C-alpha atoms as a PDB file:
ATOM      1  CA  MET A   1    -131.204-104.930  76.367  1.00  0.00           C
ATOM      2  CA  SER A   2    -129.155-104.270  79.690  1.00  0.00           C
ATOM      3  CA  THR A   3    -130.746-104.507  82.785  1.00  0.00           C
ATOM      4  CA  THR A   4    -129.062-101.201  83.751  1.00  0.00           C
ATOM      5  CA  ARG A   5    -131.223 -99.550  80.865  1.00  0.00           C
ATOM      6  CA  THR A   6    -134.343-101.553  81.935  1.00  0.00           C
ATOM      7  CA  THR A   7    -133.894-100.186  85.320  1.00  0.00           C
ATOM      8  CA  LEU A   8    -133.549 -96.636  84.118  1.00  0.00           C
ATOM      9  CA  ARG A   9    -136.387 -96.739  82.195  1.00  0.00           C
ATOM     10  CA  SER A  10    -138.294 -98.052  85.084  1.00  0.00           C
ATOM     11  CA  GLU A  11    -136.719 -95.227  87.353  1.00  0.00           C
ATOM     12  CA  ILE A  12    -137.469 -92.368  84.647  1.00  0.00           C
ATOM     13  CA  GLU A  13    -141.137 -93.239  84.240  1.00  0.00           C
ATOM     14  CA  ARG A  14    -142.017 -93.710  88.174  1.00  0.00           C
ATOM     15  CA  PHE A  15    -139.907 -90.846  88.823  1.00  0.00           C
ATOM     16  CA  LEU A  16    -142.701 -88.631  86.287  1.00  0.00           C
ATOM     17  CA  LYS A  17    -145.650 -90.227  87.249  1.00  0.00           C
ATOM     18  CA  GLN A  18    -144.861 -89.163  90.753  1.00  0.00           C
ATOM     19  CA  LYS A  19    -143.587 -85.350  90.199  1.00  0.00           C
ATOM     20  CA  ILE A  20    -145.811 -84.977  87.080  1.00  0.00           C
ATOM     21  CA  PRO A  21    -149.106 -86.740  87.465  1.00  0.00           C
ATOM     22  CA  LEU A  22    -149.941 -85.564  83.669  1.00  0.00           C
ATOM     23  CA  THR A  23    -147.902 -88.623  82.243  1.00  0.00           C
ATOM     24  CA  LYS A  24    -149.887 -90.943  84.433  1.00  0.00           C
ATOM     25  CA  ALA A  25    -153.072 -89.658  82.287  1.00  0.00           C
ATOM     26  CA  MET A  26    -151.178 -89.440  79.121  1.00  0.00           C
ATOM     27  CA  GLY A  27    -150.015 -92.887  79.688  1.00  0.00           C
ATOM     28  CA  VAL A  28    -146.421 -92.061  78.982  1.00  0.00           C
ATOM     29  CA  ARG A  29    -144.065 -95.072  78.678  1.00  0.00           C
ATOM     30  CA  VAL A  30    -140.294 -94.464  78.177  1.00  0.00           C
ATOM     31  CA  ARG A  31    -139.286 -96.652  75.120  1.00  0.00           C
ATOM     32  CA  SER A  32    -134.983 -95.803  75.396  1.00  0.00           C
ATOM     33  CA  ILE A  33    -133.059 -94.025  77.154  1.00  0.00           C
ATOM     34  CA  ARG A  34    -130.187 -93.752  73.967  1.00  0.00           C
ATOM     35  CA  PRO A  35    -131.894 -91.423  72.387  1.00  0.00           C
ATOM     36  CA  MET A  36    -134.388 -90.614  75.231  1.00  0.00           C
ATOM     37  CA  THR A  37    -137.695 -91.785  73.333  1.00  0.00           C
ATOM     38  CA  LEU A  38    -141.190 -91.302  75.078  1.00  0.00           C
ATOM     39  CA  GLU A  39    -144.504 -92.643  73.928  1.00  0.00           C
ATOM     40  CA  ALA A  40    -148.330 -92.271  74.508  1.00  0.00           C
ATOM     41  CA  PRO A  41    -151.340 -93.985  73.172  1.00  0.00           C
ATOM     42  CA  LEU A  42    -153.478 -92.046  70.962  1.00  0.00           C
ATOM     43  CA  LYS A  43    -156.774 -92.865  72.923  1.00  0.00           C
ATOM     44  CA  PRO A  44    -156.336 -90.326  75.847  1.00  0.00           C
ATOM     45  CA  ASN A  45    -154.495 -87.875  73.714  1.00  0.00           C
ATOM     46  CA  ARG A  46    -157.006 -87.231  71.018  1.00  0.00           C
ATOM     47  CA  ASN A  47    -159.083 -84.592  70.046  1.00  0.00           C
ATOM     48  CA  HIS A  48    -162.562 -84.079  68.590  1.00  0.00           C
ATOM     49  CA  LEU A  49    -161.037 -85.294  64.919  1.00  0.00           C
ATOM     50  CA  GLN A  50    -159.709 -88.570  66.587  1.00  0.00           C
ATOM     51  CA  THR A  51    -156.000 -87.457  65.835  1.00  0.00           C
ATOM     52  CA  ALA A  52    -153.521 -86.457  68.611  1.00  0.00           C
ATOM     53  CA  PHE A  53    -154.367 -83.097  70.663  1.00  0.00           C
ATOM     54  CA  GLY A  54    -151.791 -80.483  69.948  1.00  0.00           C
ATOM     55  CA  GLY A  55    -151.468 -79.871  74.475  1.00  0.00           C
ATOM     56  CA  SER A  56    -150.952 -83.676  74.328  1.00  0.00           C
ATOM     57  CA  ILE A  57    -147.746 -83.777  71.478  1.00  0.00           C
ATOM     58  CA  ASN A  58    -146.485 -80.685  73.039  1.00  0.00           C
ATOM     59  CA  ALA A  59    -146.762 -81.980  76.639  1.00  0.00           C
ATOM     60  CA  LEU A  60    -145.014 -85.679  75.072  1.00  0.00           C
ATOM     61  CA  ALA A  61    -141.887 -83.683  73.309  1.00  0.00           C
ATOM     62  CA  THR A  62    -141.572 -81.262  76.597  1.00  0.00           C
ATOM     63  CA  LEU A  63    -141.022 -84.370  78.834  1.00  0.00           C
ATOM     64  CA  ALA A  64    -139.030 -86.084  76.451  1.00  0.00           C
ATOM     65  CA  ALA A  65    -136.433 -83.307  76.831  1.00  0.00           C
ATOM     66  CA  TYR A  66    -136.951 -83.092  80.776  1.00  0.00           C
ATOM     67  CA  ALA A  67    -136.374 -86.460  80.940  1.00  0.00           C
ATOM     68  CA  PHE A  68    -132.881 -86.405  79.039  1.00  0.00           C
ATOM     69  CA  LEU A  69    -131.932 -83.437  81.292  1.00  0.00           C
ATOM     70  CA  TRP A  70    -132.877 -85.097  84.534  1.00  0.00           C
ATOM     71  CA  LEU A  71    -130.949 -88.178  83.207  1.00  0.00           C
ATOM     72  CA  GLU A  72    -127.664 -86.551  82.893  1.00  0.00           C
ATOM     73  CA  LEU A  73    -128.185 -84.715  86.283  1.00  0.00           C
ATOM     74  CA  ARG A  74    -130.056 -87.501  88.175  1.00  0.00           C
ATOM     75  CA  GLU A  75    -127.037 -88.106  90.416  1.00  0.00           C
ATOM     76  CA  ASP A  76    -127.266 -84.392  91.769  1.00  0.00           C
ATOM     77  CA  SER A  77    -130.360 -85.025  93.928  1.00  0.00           C
ATOM     78  CA  THR A  78    -130.694 -81.125  94.570  1.00  0.00           C
ATOM     79  CA  ALA A  79    -130.986 -79.802  90.678  1.00  0.00           C
ATOM     80  CA  HIS A  80    -133.970 -79.086  89.752  1.00  0.00           C
ATOM     81  CA  VAL A  81    -135.001 -79.219  85.950  1.00  0.00           C
ATOM     82  CA  VAL A  82    -138.009 -76.381  84.121  1.00  0.00           C
ATOM     83  CA  VAL A  83    -138.465 -75.385  80.638  1.00  0.00           C
ATOM     84  CA  ALA A  84    -137.645 -71.744  80.431  1.00  0.00           C
ATOM     85  CA  GLU A  85    -139.021 -71.532  76.595  1.00  0.00           C
ATOM     86  CA  SER A  86    -140.227 -73.629  73.758  1.00  0.00           C
ATOM     87  CA  SER A  87    -141.697 -73.710  70.735  1.00  0.00           C
ATOM     88  CA  ILE A  88    -143.483 -76.356  68.328  1.00  0.00           C
ATOM     89  CA  ARG A  89    -144.201 -76.852  64.698  1.00  0.00           C
ATOM     90  CA  PHE A  90    -146.530 -78.985  64.105  1.00  0.00           C
ATOM     91  CA  ARG A  91    -146.478 -81.194  60.516  1.00  0.00           C
ATOM     92  CA  ARG A  92    -148.992 -83.896  60.163  1.00  0.00           C
ATOM     93  CA  PRO A  93    -151.725 -85.047  62.522  1.00  0.00           C
ATOM     94  CA  ILE A  94    -151.196 -88.111  64.430  1.00  0.00           C
ATOM     95  CA  ARG A  95    -153.684 -90.905  64.382  1.00  0.00           C
ATOM     96  CA  GLY A  96    -151.533 -94.037  65.827  1.00  0.00           C
ATOM     97  CA  LEU A  97    -148.911 -93.991  68.407  1.00  0.00           C
ATOM     98  CA  ILE A  98    -147.462 -90.734  69.610  1.00  0.00           C
ATOM     99  CA  ARG A  99    -143.115 -90.924  70.024  1.00  0.00           C
ATOM    100  CA  ALA A 100    -141.164 -88.138  70.915  1.00  0.00           C
ATOM    101  CA  ILE A 101    -137.782 -88.686  70.467  1.00  0.00           C
ATOM    102  CA  CYS A 102    -134.967 -86.013  72.253  1.00  0.00           C
ATOM    103  CA  LEU A 103    -132.475 -85.681  69.662  1.00  0.00           C
ATOM    104  CA  PRO A 104    -128.969 -85.861  70.799  1.00  0.00           C
ATOM    105  CA  PRO A 105    -127.391 -82.522  71.642  1.00  0.00           C
ATOM    106  CA  ASP A 106    -123.944 -80.692  71.371  1.00  0.00           C
ATOM    107  CA  PRO A 107    -121.881 -83.302  73.563  1.00  0.00           C
ATOM    108  CA  VAL A 108    -119.842 -79.798  74.179  1.00  0.00           C
ATOM    109  CA  ALA A 109    -123.213 -78.459  75.730  1.00  0.00           C
ATOM    110  CA  VAL A 110    -123.782 -81.299  77.790  1.00  0.00           C
ATOM    111  CA  ALA A 111    -120.291 -81.311  79.053  1.00  0.00           C
ATOM    112  CA  MET A 112    -120.722 -78.217  80.339  1.00  0.00           C
ATOM    113  CA  LEU A 113    -123.883 -78.962  82.243  1.00  0.00           C
ATOM    114  CA  LYS A 114    -122.632 -80.784  85.509  1.00  0.00           C
ATOM    115  CA  PRO A 115    -119.407 -77.955  85.678  1.00  0.00           C
ATOM    116  CA  SER A 116    -121.885 -75.020  85.318  1.00  0.00           C
ATOM    117  CA  LEU A 117    -124.272 -75.958  87.880  1.00  0.00           C
ATOM    118  CA  ALA A 118    -121.366 -76.854  90.332  1.00  0.00           C
ATOM    119  CA  HIS A 119    -119.784 -73.093  89.649  1.00  0.00           C
ATOM    120  CA  THR A 120    -123.271 -71.133  88.812  1.00  0.00           C
ATOM    121  CA  GLY A 121    -125.742 -72.990  90.519  1.00  0.00           C
ATOM    122  CA  ARG A 122    -127.261 -72.923  87.193  1.00  0.00           C
ATOM    123  CA  ALA A 123    -126.902 -74.757  83.775  1.00  0.00           C
ATOM    124  CA  ARG A 124    -128.859 -74.112  80.562  1.00  0.00           C
ATOM    125  CA  ILE A 125    -129.181 -76.277  77.605  1.00  0.00           C
ATOM    126  CA  ARG A 126    -131.293 -76.598  74.262  1.00  0.00           C
ATOM    127  CA  LEU A 127    -133.046 -79.535  73.271  1.00  0.00           C
ATOM    128  CA  HIS A 128    -134.433 -80.512  70.078  1.00  0.00           C
ATOM    129  CA  VAL A 129    -137.530 -83.173  69.925  1.00  0.00           C
ATOM    130  CA  GLU A 130    -138.828 -84.783  67.236  1.00  0.00           C
ATOM    131  CA  ILE A 131    -142.450 -86.205  67.471  1.00  0.00           C
ATOM    132  CA  LYS A 132    -143.065 -89.000  64.970  1.00  0.00           C
ATOM    133  CA  GLU A 133    -145.626 -91.362  64.050  1.00  0.00           C
ATOM    134  CA  ASN A 134    -144.323 -94.187  62.441  1.00  0.00           C
ATOM    135  CA  ARG A 135    -141.287 -93.625  60.617  1.00  0.00           C
ATOM    136  CA  PHE A 136    -142.838 -89.706  59.683  1.00  0.00           C
ATOM    137  CA  VAL A 137    -142.220 -86.297  61.620  1.00  0.00           C
ATOM    138  CA  ALA A 138    -145.064 -85.266  62.713  1.00  0.00           C
ATOM    139  CA  ALA A 139    -144.050 -82.403  64.849  1.00  0.00           C
ATOM    140  CA  GLU A 140    -140.854 -80.461  66.073  1.00  0.00           C
ATOM    141  CA  PHE A 141    -140.006 -79.161  69.427  1.00  0.00           C
ATOM    142  CA  GLU A 142    -137.774 -76.999  70.508  1.00  0.00           C
ATOM    143  CA  GLY A 143    -136.885 -76.195  74.154  1.00  0.00           C
ATOM    144  CA  ASN A 144    -134.567 -74.150  76.298  1.00  0.00           C
ATOM    145  CA  PHE A 145    -134.195 -75.631  79.955  1.00  0.00           C
ATOM    146  CA  VAL A 146    -132.633 -74.877  82.973  1.00  0.00           C
ATOM    147  CA  ALA A 147    -131.042 -76.860  85.772  1.00  0.00           C
ATOM    148  CA  ILE A 148    -130.764 -74.679  89.426  1.00  0.00           C
ATOM    149  CA  HIS A 149    -129.487 -76.207  92.431  1.00  0.00           C
ATOM    150  CA  ALA A 150    -132.347 -76.300  94.757  1.00  0.00           C
ATOM    151  CA  SER A 151    -130.731 -73.745  97.239  1.00  0.00           C
ATOM    152  CA  ARG A 152    -131.022 -71.455  94.411  1.00  0.00           C
ATOM    153  CA  ASN A 153    -134.523 -72.507  93.270  1.00  0.00           C
ATOM    154  CA  ARG A 154    -137.183 -69.872  94.787  1.00  0.00           C
ATOM    155  CA  HIS A 155    -139.368 -70.117  91.609  1.00  0.00           C
ATOM    156  CA  THR A 156    -137.685 -66.833  90.498  1.00  0.00           C
ATOM    157  CA  PHE A 157    -134.808 -67.995  88.314  1.00  0.00           C
ATOM    158  CA  GLY A 158    -132.474 -65.675  89.282  1.00  0.00           C
ATOM    159  CA  ARG A 159    -134.235 -62.671  90.227  1.00  0.00           C
ATOM    160  CA  ALA A 160    -134.947 -62.102  94.017  1.00  0.00           C
ATOM    161  CA  PRO A 161    -138.051 -63.069  94.965  1.00  0.00           C
ATOM    162  CA  ALA A 162    -141.165 -60.761  95.465  1.00  0.00           C
ATOM    163  CA  ARG A 163    -142.062 -59.038  98.991  1.00  0.00           C
ATOM    164  CA  GLY A 164    -145.325 -58.741 100.054  1.00  0.00           C
END
């Protein structure tokens, strides 16, 4: 593994732990950046049945997609990444290490991110994540993610701020 990839993995983990504290409690680790793969141990993410808690599975999937988009846009420090909409389908219980793999999106969609962000201050992309235990798909996640320039981000995502 190259030093650059190791450095990027560490940078992503550090960013997630600083900006999204839940990742620390979940024990999230970046296993790979191509494809973006995050892992979390079962113990802090288990439910009363000793299987992975659905909320933890959903959170790890969201984080894998978020980390993919953050990596693509990391050179633009003014870009804020948010999930606009998501859905998940649970297929089987997870009884061990939880692994979320952000599937490579359409290269054209990825290529349009930076120009769209530069031109309109916003960029959208639909991302798919498989959550696996060993080689079996345990859940499937889809999410619409949005990158917004900080100057346009008023936590309203394009709408005028409410006035009180």
